[in-house]
Amino acid sequence: MLCASSAEEAYNSVNIVTQALNSTFPLKTLKFKNKQKPKHFADQEAFILKNSYVTAQTKYEQTGNLRDKENTVQFKKSNEQSLKALRKNVFQFHLKDLKQVTSSMASNKFCM
């Protein structure tokens, strides 16, 4: 290929090598799994927190100002703490609900 006398000869030799590689190592077809939709664990408060962080980040990206960067970091820290608390509350609610369901199932089992 490198020592070919013409462009057409180099193209043909590359084409031969490409065909040999394709026949030896065929392309694998990959099946992509459908991505699950994001789970909405919180209410409007989480949406507002996310939007405030995104606007602060966008402002920093546009201006490049150090003060905007500090605001973005501050929003991120406070949002992470708030979202963590929201997730914890939702998890506790679901756990409490699950315990009620299992206890009601257990009590119904003995009534039969």
PDB file of N, CA and C in Angstrom:
ATOM      1  N   MET A   1       0.815  -1.185   0.000  1.00  0.00           N
ATOM      2  CA  MET A   1       0.000   0.000   0.000  1.00  0.00           C
ATOM      3  C   MET A   1       0.864   1.256   0.000  1.00  0.00           C
ATOM      4  N   LEU A   2       1.866   1.243   0.853  1.00  0.00           N
ATOM      5  CA  LEU A   2       2.732   2.417   0.927  1.00  0.00           C
ATOM      6  C   LEU A   2       3.650   2.529  -0.288  1.00  0.00           C
ATOM      7  N   CYS A   3       4.001   1.399  -0.864  1.00  0.00           N
ATOM      8  CA  CYS A   3       4.917   1.437  -1.999  1.00  0.00           C
ATOM      9  C   CYS A   3       4.197   1.191  -3.322  1.00  0.00           C
ATOM     10  N   ALA A   4       2.899   1.516  -3.355  1.00  0.00           N
ATOM     11  CA  ALA A   4       2.141   1.365  -4.598  1.00  0.00           C
ATOM     12  C   ALA A   4       2.539   2.481  -5.560  1.00  0.00           C
ATOM     13  N   SER A   5       2.516   2.144  -6.829  1.00  0.00           N
ATOM     14  CA  SER A   5       2.954   3.112  -7.832  1.00  0.00           C
ATOM     15  C   SER A   5       1.867   4.114  -8.189  1.00  0.00           C
ATOM     16  N   SER A   6       0.598   3.757  -7.950  1.00  0.00           N
ATOM     17  CA  SER A   6      -0.475   4.686  -8.276  1.00  0.00           C
ATOM     18  C   SER A   6      -1.536   4.645  -7.178  1.00  0.00           C
ATOM     19  N   ALA A   7      -2.396   5.642  -7.193  1.00  0.00           N
ATOM     20  CA  ALA A   7      -3.465   5.722  -6.197  1.00  0.00           C
ATOM     21  C   ALA A   7      -4.463   4.585  -6.384  1.00  0.00           C
ATOM     22  N   GLU A   8      -4.713   4.217  -7.632  1.00  0.00           N
ATOM     23  CA  GLU A   8      -5.675   3.154  -7.902  1.00  0.00           C
ATOM     24  C   GLU A   8      -5.153   1.815  -7.379  1.00  0.00           C
ATOM     25  N   GLU A   9      -3.879   1.586  -7.530  1.00  0.00           N
ATOM     26  CA  GLU A   9      -3.273   0.342  -7.049  1.00  0.00           C
ATOM     27  C   GLU A   9      -3.317   0.297  -5.516  1.00  0.00           C
ATOM     28  N   ALA A  10      -3.054   1.432  -4.863  1.00  0.00           N
ATOM     29  CA  ALA A  10      -3.116   1.500  -3.399  1.00  0.00           C
ATOM     30  C   ALA A  10      -4.551   1.278  -2.920  1.00  0.00           C
ATOM     31  N   TYR A  11      -5.508   1.864  -3.624  1.00  0.00           N
ATOM     32  CA  TYR A  11      -6.920   1.698  -3.268  1.00  0.00           C
ATOM     33  C   TYR A  11      -7.336   0.242  -3.388  1.00  0.00           C
ATOM     34  N   ASN A  12      -6.926  -0.414  -4.449  1.00  0.00           N
ATOM     35  CA  ASN A  12      -7.275  -1.821  -4.643  1.00  0.00           C
ATOM     36  C   ASN A  12      -6.668  -2.704  -3.556  1.00  0.00           C
ATOM     37  N   SER A  13      -5.423  -2.419  -3.172  1.00  0.00           N
ATOM     38  CA  SER A  13      -4.794  -3.245  -2.143  1.00  0.00           C
ATOM     39  C   SER A  13      -5.467  -3.019  -0.782  1.00  0.00           C
ATOM     40  N   VAL A  14      -5.860  -1.776  -0.493  1.00  0.00           N
ATOM     41  CA  VAL A  14      -6.583  -1.503   0.752  1.00  0.00           C
ATOM     42  C   VAL A  14      -7.943  -2.183   0.719  1.00  0.00           C
ATOM     43  N   ASN A  15      -8.583  -2.166  -0.411  1.00  0.00           N
ATOM     44  CA  ASN A  15      -9.883  -2.803  -0.568  1.00  0.00           C
ATOM     45  C   ASN A  15      -9.778  -4.312  -0.342  1.00  0.00           C
ATOM     46  N   ILE A  16      -8.726  -4.937  -0.833  1.00  0.00           N
ATOM     47  CA  ILE A  16      -8.514  -6.376  -0.645  1.00  0.00           C
ATOM     48  C   ILE A  16      -8.303  -6.692   0.832  1.00  0.00           C
ATOM     49  N   VAL A  17      -7.496  -5.887   1.492  1.00  0.00           N
ATOM     50  CA  VAL A  17      -7.248  -6.097   2.923  1.00  0.00           C
ATOM     51  C   VAL A  17      -8.538  -5.905   3.716  1.00  0.00           C
ATOM     52  N   THR A  18      -9.316  -4.900   3.355  1.00  0.00           N
ATOM     53  CA  THR A  18     -10.583  -4.639   4.046  1.00  0.00           C
ATOM     54  C   THR A  18     -11.544  -5.800   3.877  1.00  0.00           C
ATOM     55  N   GLN A  19     -11.650  -6.334   2.674  1.00  0.00           N
ATOM     56  CA  GLN A  19     -12.536  -7.472   2.434  1.00  0.00           C
ATOM     57  C   GLN A  19     -12.073  -8.699   3.206  1.00  0.00           C
ATOM     58  N   ALA A  20     -10.750  -8.902   3.279  1.00  0.00           N
ATOM     59  CA  ALA A  20     -10.226 -10.045   4.029  1.00  0.00           C
ATOM     60  C   ALA A  20     -10.553  -9.904   5.515  1.00  0.00           C
ATOM     61  N   LEU A  21     -10.384  -8.708   6.059  1.00  0.00           N
ATOM     62  CA  LEU A  21     -10.707  -8.490   7.472  1.00  0.00           C
ATOM     63  C   LEU A  21     -12.199  -8.651   7.733  1.00  0.00           C
ATOM     64  N   ASN A  22     -13.025  -8.143   6.839  1.00  0.00           N
ATOM     65  CA  ASN A  22     -14.472  -8.255   7.022  1.00  0.00           C
ATOM     66  C   ASN A  22     -14.941  -9.698   6.948  1.00  0.00           C
ATOM     67  N   SER A  23     -14.328 -10.505   6.101  1.00  0.00           N
ATOM     68  CA  SER A  23     -14.737 -11.911   6.016  1.00  0.00           C
ATOM     69  C   SER A  23     -14.188 -12.709   7.198  1.00  0.00           C
ATOM     70  N   THR A  24     -12.997 -12.339   7.672  1.00  0.00           N
ATOM     71  CA  THR A  24     -12.416 -13.048   8.810  1.00  0.00           C
ATOM     72  C   THR A  24     -13.099 -12.654  10.121  1.00  0.00           C
ATOM     73  N   PHE A  25     -13.301 -11.377  10.304  1.00  0.00           N
ATOM     74  CA  PHE A  25     -13.918 -10.853  11.522  1.00  0.00           C
ATOM     75  C   PHE A  25     -15.187 -10.087  11.141  1.00  0.00           C
ATOM     76  N   PRO A  26     -16.300 -10.790  10.984  1.00  0.00           N
ATOM     77  CA  PRO A  26     -17.524 -10.098  10.558  1.00  0.00           C
ATOM     78  C   PRO A  26     -18.022  -9.141  11.643  1.00  0.00           C
ATOM     79  N   LEU A  27     -18.754  -8.144  11.203  1.00  0.00           N
ATOM     80  CA  LEU A  27     -19.312  -7.180  12.135  1.00  0.00           C
ATOM     81  C   LEU A  27     -20.380  -7.847  12.983  1.00  0.00           C
ATOM     82  N   LYS A  28     -20.373  -7.555  14.246  1.00  0.00           N
ATOM     83  CA  LYS A  28     -21.371  -8.098  15.144  1.00  0.00           C
ATOM     84  C   LYS A  28     -22.532  -7.118  15.218  1.00  0.00           C
ATOM     85  N   THR A  29     -23.700  -7.661  15.167  1.00  0.00           N
ATOM     86  CA  THR A  29     -24.867  -6.811  15.332  1.00  0.00           C
ATOM     87  C   THR A  29     -25.206  -6.782  16.816  1.00  0.00           C
ATOM     88  N   LEU A  30     -25.320  -5.602  17.337  1.00  0.00           N
ATOM     89  CA  LEU A  30     -25.611  -5.435  18.753  1.00  0.00           C
ATOM     90  C   LEU A  30     -27.070  -5.069  18.934  1.00  0.00           C
ATOM     91  N   LYS A  31     -27.670  -5.684  19.901  1.00  0.00           N
ATOM     92  CA  LYS A  31     -29.036  -5.327  20.245  1.00  0.00           C
ATOM     93  C   LYS A  31     -28.981  -4.426  21.470  1.00  0.00           C
ATOM     94  N   PHE A  32     -29.466  -3.227  21.288  1.00  0.00           N
ATOM     95  CA  PHE A  32     -29.476  -2.292  22.397  1.00  0.00           C
ATOM     96  C   PHE A  32     -30.758  -2.478  23.195  1.00  0.00           C
ATOM     97  N   LYS A  33     -30.585  -2.587  24.480  1.00  0.00           N
ATOM     98  CA  LYS A  33     -31.744  -2.718  25.340  1.00  0.00           C
ATOM     99  C   LYS A  33     -32.415  -1.356  25.452  1.00  0.00           C
ATOM    100  N   ASN A  34     -33.718  -1.404  25.537  1.00  0.00           N
ATOM    101  CA  ASN A  34     -34.448  -0.156  25.708  1.00  0.00           C
ATOM    102  C   ASN A  34     -34.088   0.451  27.058  1.00  0.00           C
ATOM    103  N   LYS A  35     -33.739   1.702  27.023  1.00  0.00           N
ATOM    104  CA  LYS A  35     -33.409   2.369  28.273  1.00  0.00           C
ATOM    105  C   LYS A  35     -34.689   2.573  29.070  1.00  0.00           C
ATOM    106  N   GLN A  36     -34.561   2.323  30.336  1.00  0.00           N
ATOM    107  CA  GLN A  36     -35.715   2.530  31.187  1.00  0.00           C
ATOM    108  C   GLN A  36     -35.940   4.021  31.365  1.00  0.00           C
ATOM    109  N   LYS A  37     -37.171   4.377  31.439  1.00  0.00           N
ATOM    110  CA  LYS A  37     -37.485   5.766  31.663  1.00  0.00           C
ATOM    111  C   LYS A  37     -37.033   6.153  33.063  1.00  0.00           C
ATOM    112  N   PRO A  38     -36.567   7.377  33.220  1.00  0.00           N
ATOM    113  CA  PRO A  38     -36.133   7.788  34.551  1.00  0.00           C
ATOM    114  C   PRO A  38     -37.289   7.736  35.544  1.00  0.00           C
ATOM    115  N   LYS A  39     -36.990   7.288  36.714  1.00  0.00           N
ATOM    116  CA  LYS A  39     -38.019   7.177  37.732  1.00  0.00           C
ATOM    117  C   LYS A  39     -38.146   8.525  38.438  1.00  0.00           C
ATOM    118  N   HIS A  40     -39.354   8.982  38.507  1.00  0.00           N
ATOM    119  CA  HIS A  40     -39.604  10.245  39.181  1.00  0.00           C
ATOM    120  C   HIS A  40     -39.920   9.922  40.635  1.00  0.00           C
ATOM    121  N   PHE A  41     -38.950  10.173  41.485  1.00  0.00           N
ATOM    122  CA  PHE A  41     -39.104   9.800  42.879  1.00  0.00           C
ATOM    123  C   PHE A  41     -39.630  10.941  43.716  1.00  0.00           C
ATOM    124  N   ALA A  42     -39.600  12.132  43.190  1.00  0.00           N
ATOM    125  CA  ALA A  42     -39.949  13.279  44.008  1.00  0.00           C
ATOM    126  C   ALA A  42     -40.993  14.131  43.310  1.00  0.00           C
ATOM    127  N   ASP A  43     -41.286  15.209  43.923  1.00  0.00           N
ATOM    128  CA  ASP A  43     -42.359  16.065  43.453  1.00  0.00           C
ATOM    129  C   ASP A  43     -41.811  17.307  42.751  1.00  0.00           C
ATOM    130  N   GLN A  44     -42.580  18.339  42.770  1.00  0.00           N
ATOM    131  CA  GLN A  44     -42.225  19.586  42.101  1.00  0.00           C
ATOM    132  C   GLN A  44     -40.962  20.211  42.706  1.00  0.00           C
ATOM    133  N   GLU A  45     -40.734  19.951  43.981  1.00  0.00           N
ATOM    134  CA  GLU A  45     -39.561  20.518  44.654  1.00  0.00           C
ATOM    135  C   GLU A  45     -38.266  20.047  44.006  1.00  0.00           C
ATOM    136  N   ALA A  46     -38.195  18.770  43.692  1.00  0.00           N
ATOM    137  CA  ALA A  46     -36.994  18.234  43.052  1.00  0.00           C
ATOM    138  C   ALA A  46     -36.801  18.834  41.670  1.00  0.00           C
ATOM    139  N   PHE A  47     -37.892  19.036  40.947  1.00  0.00           N
ATOM    140  CA  PHE A  47     -37.818  19.645  39.623  1.00  0.00           C
ATOM    141  C   PHE A  47     -37.296  21.073  39.705  1.00  0.00           C
ATOM    142  N   ILE A  48     -37.757  21.821  40.691  1.00  0.00           N
ATOM    143  CA  ILE A  48     -37.302  23.203  40.880  1.00  0.00           C
ATOM    144  C   ILE A  48     -35.824  23.222  41.245  1.00  0.00           C
ATOM    145  N   LEU A  49     -35.401  22.321  42.119  1.00  0.00           N
ATOM    146  CA  LEU A  49     -33.989  22.254  42.514  1.00  0.00           C
ATOM    147  C   LEU A  49     -33.105  21.946  41.306  1.00  0.00           C
ATOM    148  N   LYS A  50     -33.540  21.006  40.500  1.00  0.00           N
ATOM    149  CA  LYS A  50     -32.761  20.635  39.316  1.00  0.00           C
ATOM    150  C   LYS A  50     -32.662  21.802  38.349  1.00  0.00           C
ATOM    151  N   ASN A  51     -33.776  22.478  38.107  1.00  0.00           N
ATOM    152  CA  ASN A  51     -33.764  23.610  37.187  1.00  0.00           C
ATOM    153  C   ASN A  51     -32.892  24.757  37.690  1.00  0.00           C
ATOM    154  N   SER A  52     -32.885  24.994  38.994  1.00  0.00           N
ATOM    155  CA  SER A  52     -32.043  26.064  39.528  1.00  0.00           C
ATOM    156  C   SER A  52     -30.566  25.734  39.321  1.00  0.00           C
ATOM    157  N   TYR A  53     -30.208  24.471  39.507  1.00  0.00           N
ATOM    158  CA  TYR A  53     -28.824  24.071  39.282  1.00  0.00           C
ATOM    159  C   TYR A  53     -28.451  24.178  37.808  1.00  0.00           C
ATOM    160  N   VAL A  54     -29.345  23.745  36.942  1.00  0.00           N
ATOM    161  CA  VAL A  54     -29.060  23.777  35.503  1.00  0.00           C
ATOM    162  C   VAL A  54     -28.899  25.213  35.020  1.00  0.00           C
ATOM    163  N   THR A  55     -29.737  26.120  35.500  1.00  0.00           N
ATOM    164  CA  THR A  55     -29.598  27.519  35.086  1.00  0.00           C
ATOM    165  C   THR A  55     -28.303  28.121  35.603  1.00  0.00           C
ATOM    166  N   ALA A  56     -27.919  27.779  36.840  1.00  0.00           N
ATOM    167  CA  ALA A  56     -26.656  28.278  37.373  1.00  0.00           C
ATOM    168  C   ALA A  56     -25.476  27.728  36.576  1.00  0.00           C
ATOM    169  N   GLN A  57     -25.533  26.463  36.218  1.00  0.00           N
ATOM    170  CA  GLN A  57     -24.457  25.853  35.443  1.00  0.00           C
ATOM    171  C   GLN A  57     -24.376  26.467  34.049  1.00  0.00           C
ATOM    172  N   THR A  58     -25.516  26.701  33.434  1.00  0.00           N
ATOM    173  CA  THR A  58     -25.542  27.313  32.102  1.00  0.00           C
ATOM    174  C   THR A  58     -24.971  28.722  32.154  1.00  0.00           C
ATOM    175  N   LYS A  59     -25.316  29.447  33.198  1.00  0.00           N
ATOM    176  CA  LYS A  59     -24.795  30.808  33.341  1.00  0.00           C
ATOM    177  C   LYS A  59     -23.281  30.787  33.493  1.00  0.00           C
ATOM    178  N   TYR A  60     -22.757  29.842  34.278  1.00  0.00           N
ATOM    179  CA  TYR A  60     -21.307  29.743  34.441  1.00  0.00           C
ATOM    180  C   TYR A  60     -20.643  29.375  33.113  1.00  0.00           C
ATOM    181  N   GLU A  61     -21.237  28.433  32.377  1.00  0.00           N
ATOM    182  CA  GLU A  61     -20.651  28.026  31.098  1.00  0.00           C
ATOM    183  C   GLU A  61     -20.631  29.173  30.096  1.00  0.00           C
ATOM    184  N   GLN A  62     -21.626  30.033  30.171  1.00  0.00           N
ATOM    185  CA  GLN A  62     -21.687  31.159  29.239  1.00  0.00           C
ATOM    186  C   GLN A  62     -20.721  32.276  29.624  1.00  0.00           C
ATOM    187  N   THR A  63     -20.624  32.562  30.923  1.00  0.00           N
ATOM    188  CA  THR A  63     -19.803  33.690  31.358  1.00  0.00           C
ATOM    189  C   THR A  63     -18.381  33.286  31.703  1.00  0.00           C
ATOM    190  N   GLY A  64     -18.214  32.122  32.328  1.00  0.00           N
ATOM    191  CA  GLY A  64     -16.892  31.698  32.770  1.00  0.00           C
ATOM    192  C   GLY A  64     -16.428  32.465  34.001  1.00  0.00           C
ATOM    193  N   ASN A  65     -17.350  33.169  34.650  1.00  0.00           N
ATOM    194  CA  ASN A  65     -17.042  33.984  35.813  1.00  0.00           C
ATOM    195  C   ASN A  65     -16.824  33.091  37.039  1.00  0.00           C
ATOM    196  N   LEU A  66     -15.866  33.467  37.894  1.00  0.00           N
ATOM    197  CA  LEU A  66     -15.554  32.686  39.089  1.00  0.00           C
ATOM    198  C   LEU A  66     -16.725  32.706  40.065  1.00  0.00           C
ATOM    199  N   ARG A  67     -17.412  33.823  40.177  1.00  0.00           N
ATOM    200  CA  ARG A  67     -18.550  33.936  41.086  1.00  0.00           C
ATOM    201  C   ARG A  67     -19.676  33.006  40.641  1.00  0.00           C
ATOM    202  N   ASP A  68     -19.879  32.906  39.336  1.00  0.00           N
ATOM    203  CA  ASP A  68     -20.899  31.994  38.820  1.00  0.00           C
ATOM    204  C   ASP A  68     -20.527  30.538  39.085  1.00  0.00           C
ATOM    205  N   LYS A  69     -19.236  30.238  39.022  1.00  0.00           N
ATOM    206  CA  LYS A  69     -18.775  28.878  39.319  1.00  0.00           C
ATOM    207  C   LYS A  69     -19.051  28.538  40.775  1.00  0.00           C
ATOM    208  N   GLU A  70     -18.766  29.487  41.671  1.00  0.00           N
ATOM    209  CA  GLU A  70     -19.023  29.261  43.097  1.00  0.00           C
ATOM    210  C   GLU A  70     -20.510  29.058  43.356  1.00  0.00           C
ATOM    211  N   ASN A  71     -21.354  29.833  42.664  1.00  0.00           N
ATOM    212  CA  ASN A  71     -22.806  29.664  42.808  1.00  0.00           C
ATOM    213  C   ASN A  71     -23.238  28.287  42.322  1.00  0.00           C
ATOM    214  N   THR A  72     -22.658  27.842  41.215  1.00  0.00           N
ATOM    215  CA  THR A  72     -22.990  26.528  40.681  1.00  0.00           C
ATOM    216  C   THR A  72     -22.610  25.430  41.663  1.00  0.00           C
ATOM    217  N   VAL A  73     -21.429  25.527  42.240  1.00  0.00           N
ATOM    218  CA  VAL A  73     -20.981  24.524  43.213  1.00  0.00           C
ATOM    219  C   VAL A  73     -21.887  24.538  44.432  1.00  0.00           C
ATOM    220  N   GLN A  74     -22.245  25.735  44.873  1.00  0.00           N
ATOM    221  CA  GLN A  74     -23.128  25.852  46.037  1.00  0.00           C
ATOM    222  C   GLN A  74     -24.501  25.251  45.745  1.00  0.00           C
ATOM    223  N   PHE A  75     -25.059  25.541  44.561  1.00  0.00           N
ATOM    224  CA  PHE A  75     -26.334  24.946  44.180  1.00  0.00           C
ATOM    225  C   PHE A  75     -26.229  23.424  44.133  1.00  0.00           C
ATOM    226  N   LYS A  76     -25.139  22.919  43.592  1.00  0.00           N
ATOM    227  CA  LYS A  76     -24.983  21.475  43.459  1.00  0.00           C
ATOM    228  C   LYS A  76     -24.939  20.806  44.828  1.00  0.00           C
ATOM    229  N   LYS A  77     -24.184  21.376  45.749  1.00  0.00           N
ATOM    230  CA  LYS A  77     -24.087  20.787  47.090  1.00  0.00           C
ATOM    231  C   LYS A  77     -25.432  20.800  47.796  1.00  0.00           C
ATOM    232  N   SER A  78     -26.097  21.940  47.761  1.00  0.00           N
ATOM    233  CA  SER A  78     -27.392  22.024  48.446  1.00  0.00           C
ATOM    234  C   SER A  78     -28.432  21.128  47.775  1.00  0.00           C
ATOM    235  N   ASN A  79     -28.398  21.058  46.453  1.00  0.00           N
ATOM    236  CA  ASN A  79     -29.350  20.211  45.742  1.00  0.00           C
ATOM    237  C   ASN A  79     -29.114  18.744  46.029  1.00  0.00           C
ATOM    238  N   GLU A  80     -27.867  18.338  46.091  1.00  0.00           N
ATOM    239  CA  GLU A  80     -27.570  16.935  46.382  1.00  0.00           C
ATOM    240  C   GLU A  80     -28.085  16.549  47.758  1.00  0.00           C
ATOM    241  N   GLN A  81     -27.895  17.451  48.731  1.00  0.00           N
ATOM    242  CA  GLN A  81     -28.379  17.159  50.079  1.00  0.00           C
ATOM    243  C   GLN A  81     -29.904  17.093  50.118  1.00  0.00           C
ATOM    244  N   SER A  82     -30.548  18.034  49.432  1.00  0.00           N
ATOM    245  CA  SER A  82     -32.011  18.057  49.419  1.00  0.00           C
ATOM    246  C   SER A  82     -32.573  16.838  48.702  1.00  0.00           C
ATOM    247  N   LEU A  83     -31.988  16.491  47.556  1.00  0.00           N
ATOM    248  CA  LEU A  83     -32.463  15.322  46.815  1.00  0.00           C
ATOM    249  C   LEU A  83     -32.218  14.032  47.572  1.00  0.00           C
ATOM    250  N   LYS A  84     -31.112  13.974  48.294  1.00  0.00           N
ATOM    251  CA  LYS A  84     -30.831  12.787  49.105  1.00  0.00           C
ATOM    252  C   LYS A  84     -31.899  12.634  50.187  1.00  0.00           C
ATOM    253  N   ALA A  85     -32.272  13.753  50.806  1.00  0.00           N
ATOM    254  CA  ALA A  85     -33.321  13.712  51.822  1.00  0.00           C
ATOM    255  C   ALA A  85     -34.659  13.308  51.214  1.00  0.00           C
ATOM    256  N   LEU A  86     -34.981  13.825  50.019  1.00  0.00           N
ATOM    257  CA  LEU A  86     -36.227  13.453  49.350  1.00  0.00           C
ATOM    258  C   LEU A  86     -36.259  11.962  49.025  1.00  0.00           C
ATOM    259  N   ARG A  87     -35.130  11.441  48.502  1.00  0.00           N
ATOM    260  CA  ARG A  87     -35.063  10.007  48.193  1.00  0.00           C
ATOM    261  C   ARG A  87     -35.264   9.168  49.448  1.00  0.00           C
ATOM    262  N   LYS A  88     -34.641   9.611  50.532  1.00  0.00           N
ATOM    263  CA  LYS A  88     -34.748   8.882  51.789  1.00  0.00           C
ATOM    264  C   LYS A  88     -36.195   8.856  52.268  1.00  0.00           C
ATOM    265  N   ASN A  89     -36.877   9.994  52.163  1.00  0.00           N
ATOM    266  CA  ASN A  89     -38.276  10.049  52.586  1.00  0.00           C
ATOM    267  C   ASN A  89     -39.154   9.159  51.726  1.00  0.00           C
ATOM    268  N   VAL A  90     -38.931   9.170  50.431  1.00  0.00           N
ATOM    269  CA  VAL A  90     -39.728   8.333  49.528  1.00  0.00           C
ATOM    270  C   VAL A  90     -39.461   6.856  49.815  1.00  0.00           C
ATOM    271  N   PHE A  91     -38.193   6.505  50.055  1.00  0.00           N
ATOM    272  CA  PHE A  91     -37.859   5.119  50.348  1.00  0.00           C
ATOM    273  C   PHE A  91     -38.528   4.677  51.640  1.00  0.00           C
ATOM    274  N   GLN A  92     -38.491   5.538  52.652  1.00  0.00           N
ATOM    275  CA  GLN A  92     -39.126   5.186  53.916  1.00  0.00           C
ATOM    276  C   GLN A  92     -40.638   5.024  53.755  1.00  0.00           C
ATOM    277  N   PHE A  93     -41.244   5.871  52.920  1.00  0.00           N
ATOM    278  CA  PHE A  93     -42.680   5.760  52.675  1.00  0.00           C
ATOM    279  C   PHE A  93     -43.005   4.432  52.005  1.00  0.00           C
ATOM    280  N   HIS A  94     -42.226   4.059  50.999  1.00  0.00           N
ATOM    281  CA  HIS A  94     -42.464   2.788  50.305  1.00  0.00           C
ATOM    282  C   HIS A  94     -42.220   1.604  51.236  1.00  0.00           C
ATOM    283  N   LEU A  95     -41.219   1.712  52.080  1.00  0.00           N
ATOM    284  CA  LEU A  95     -40.928   0.635  53.024  1.00  0.00           C
ATOM    285  C   LEU A  95     -42.071   0.488  54.020  1.00  0.00           C
ATOM    286  N   LYS A  96     -42.600   1.592  54.493  1.00  0.00           N
ATOM    287  CA  LYS A  96     -43.725   1.566  55.428  1.00  0.00           C
ATOM    288  C   LYS A  96     -44.949   0.954  54.741  1.00  0.00           C
ATOM    289  N   ASP A  97     -45.189   1.339  53.502  1.00  0.00           N
ATOM    290  CA  ASP A  97     -46.313   0.806  52.733  1.00  0.00           C
ATOM    291  C   ASP A  97     -46.150  -0.695  52.518  1.00  0.00           C
ATOM    292  N   LEU A  98     -44.929  -1.117  52.225  1.00  0.00           N
ATOM    293  CA  LEU A  98     -44.660  -2.539  52.015  1.00  0.00           C
ATOM    294  C   LEU A  98     -44.904  -3.332  53.290  1.00  0.00           C
ATOM    295  N   LYS A  99     -44.501  -2.782  54.423  1.00  0.00           N
ATOM    296  CA  LYS A  99     -44.726  -3.475  55.695  1.00  0.00           C
ATOM    297  C   LYS A  99     -46.222  -3.622  55.969  1.00  0.00           C
ATOM    298  N   GLN A 100     -47.001  -2.584  55.639  1.00  0.00           N
ATOM    299  CA  GLN A 100     -48.443  -2.663  55.849  1.00  0.00           C
ATOM    300  C   GLN A 100     -49.064  -3.732  54.957  1.00  0.00           C
ATOM    301  N   VAL A 101     -48.601  -3.814  53.722  1.00  0.00           N
ATOM    302  CA  VAL A 101     -49.137  -4.801  52.793  1.00  0.00           C
ATOM    303  C   VAL A 101     -48.816  -6.208  53.266  1.00  0.00           C
ATOM    304  N   THR A 102     -47.575  -6.439  53.696  1.00  0.00           N
ATOM    305  CA  THR A 102     -47.195  -7.787  54.135  1.00  0.00           C
ATOM    306  C   THR A 102     -47.915  -8.158  55.424  1.00  0.00           C
ATOM    307  N   SER A 103     -48.114  -7.190  56.313  1.00  0.00           N
ATOM    308  CA  SER A 103     -48.829  -7.515  57.550  1.00  0.00           C
ATOM    309  C   SER A 103     -50.291  -7.811  57.267  1.00  0.00           C
ATOM    310  N   SER A 104     -50.896  -7.093  56.324  1.00  0.00           N
ATOM    311  CA  SER A 104     -52.293  -7.367  55.986  1.00  0.00           C
ATOM    312  C   SER A 104     -52.421  -8.723  55.285  1.00  0.00           C
ATOM    313  N   MET A 105     -51.431  -9.079  54.482  1.00  0.00           N
ATOM    314  CA  MET A 105     -51.451 -10.383  53.831  1.00  0.00           C
ATOM    315  C   MET A 105     -51.315 -11.489  54.858  1.00  0.00           C
ATOM    316  N   ALA A 106     -50.467 -11.275  55.854  1.00  0.00           N
ATOM    317  CA  ALA A 106     -50.277 -12.291  56.884  1.00  0.00           C
ATOM    318  C   ALA A 106     -51.545 -12.459  57.712  1.00  0.00           C
ATOM    319  N   SER A 107     -52.223 -11.367  58.014  1.00  0.00           N
ATOM    320  CA  SER A 107     -53.444 -11.475  58.810  1.00  0.00           C
ATOM    321  C   SER A 107     -54.570 -12.128  58.000  1.00  0.00           C
ATOM    322  N   ASN A 108     -54.624 -11.884  56.703  1.00  0.00           N
ATOM    323  CA  ASN A 108     -55.635 -12.509  55.848  1.00  0.00           C
ATOM    324  C   ASN A 108     -55.373 -13.991  55.650  1.00  0.00           C
ATOM    325  N   LYS A 109     -54.139 -14.392  55.763  1.00  0.00           N
ATOM    326  CA  LYS A 109     -53.779 -15.796  55.567  1.00  0.00           C
ATOM    327  C   LYS A 109     -54.392 -16.665  56.655  1.00  0.00           C
ATOM    328  N   PHE A 110     -54.410 -16.157  57.876  1.00  0.00           N
ATOM    329  CA  PHE A 110     -54.936 -16.948  58.980  1.00  0.00           C
ATOM    330  C   PHE A 110     -56.457 -16.905  59.051  1.00  0.00           C
ATOM    331  N   CYS A 111     -57.070 -15.942  58.396  1.00  0.00           N
ATOM    332  CA  CYS A 111     -58.536 -15.835  58.426  1.00  0.00           C
ATOM    333  C   CYS A 111     -59.199 -16.851  57.516  1.00  0.00           C
ATOM    334  N   MET A 112     -58.496 -17.408  56.580  1.00  0.00           N
ATOM    335  CA  MET A 112     -59.092 -18.345  55.626  1.00  0.00           C
ATOM    336  C   MET A 112     -59.395 -19.595  56.309  1.00  0.00           C
TER     337      MET A 112
END
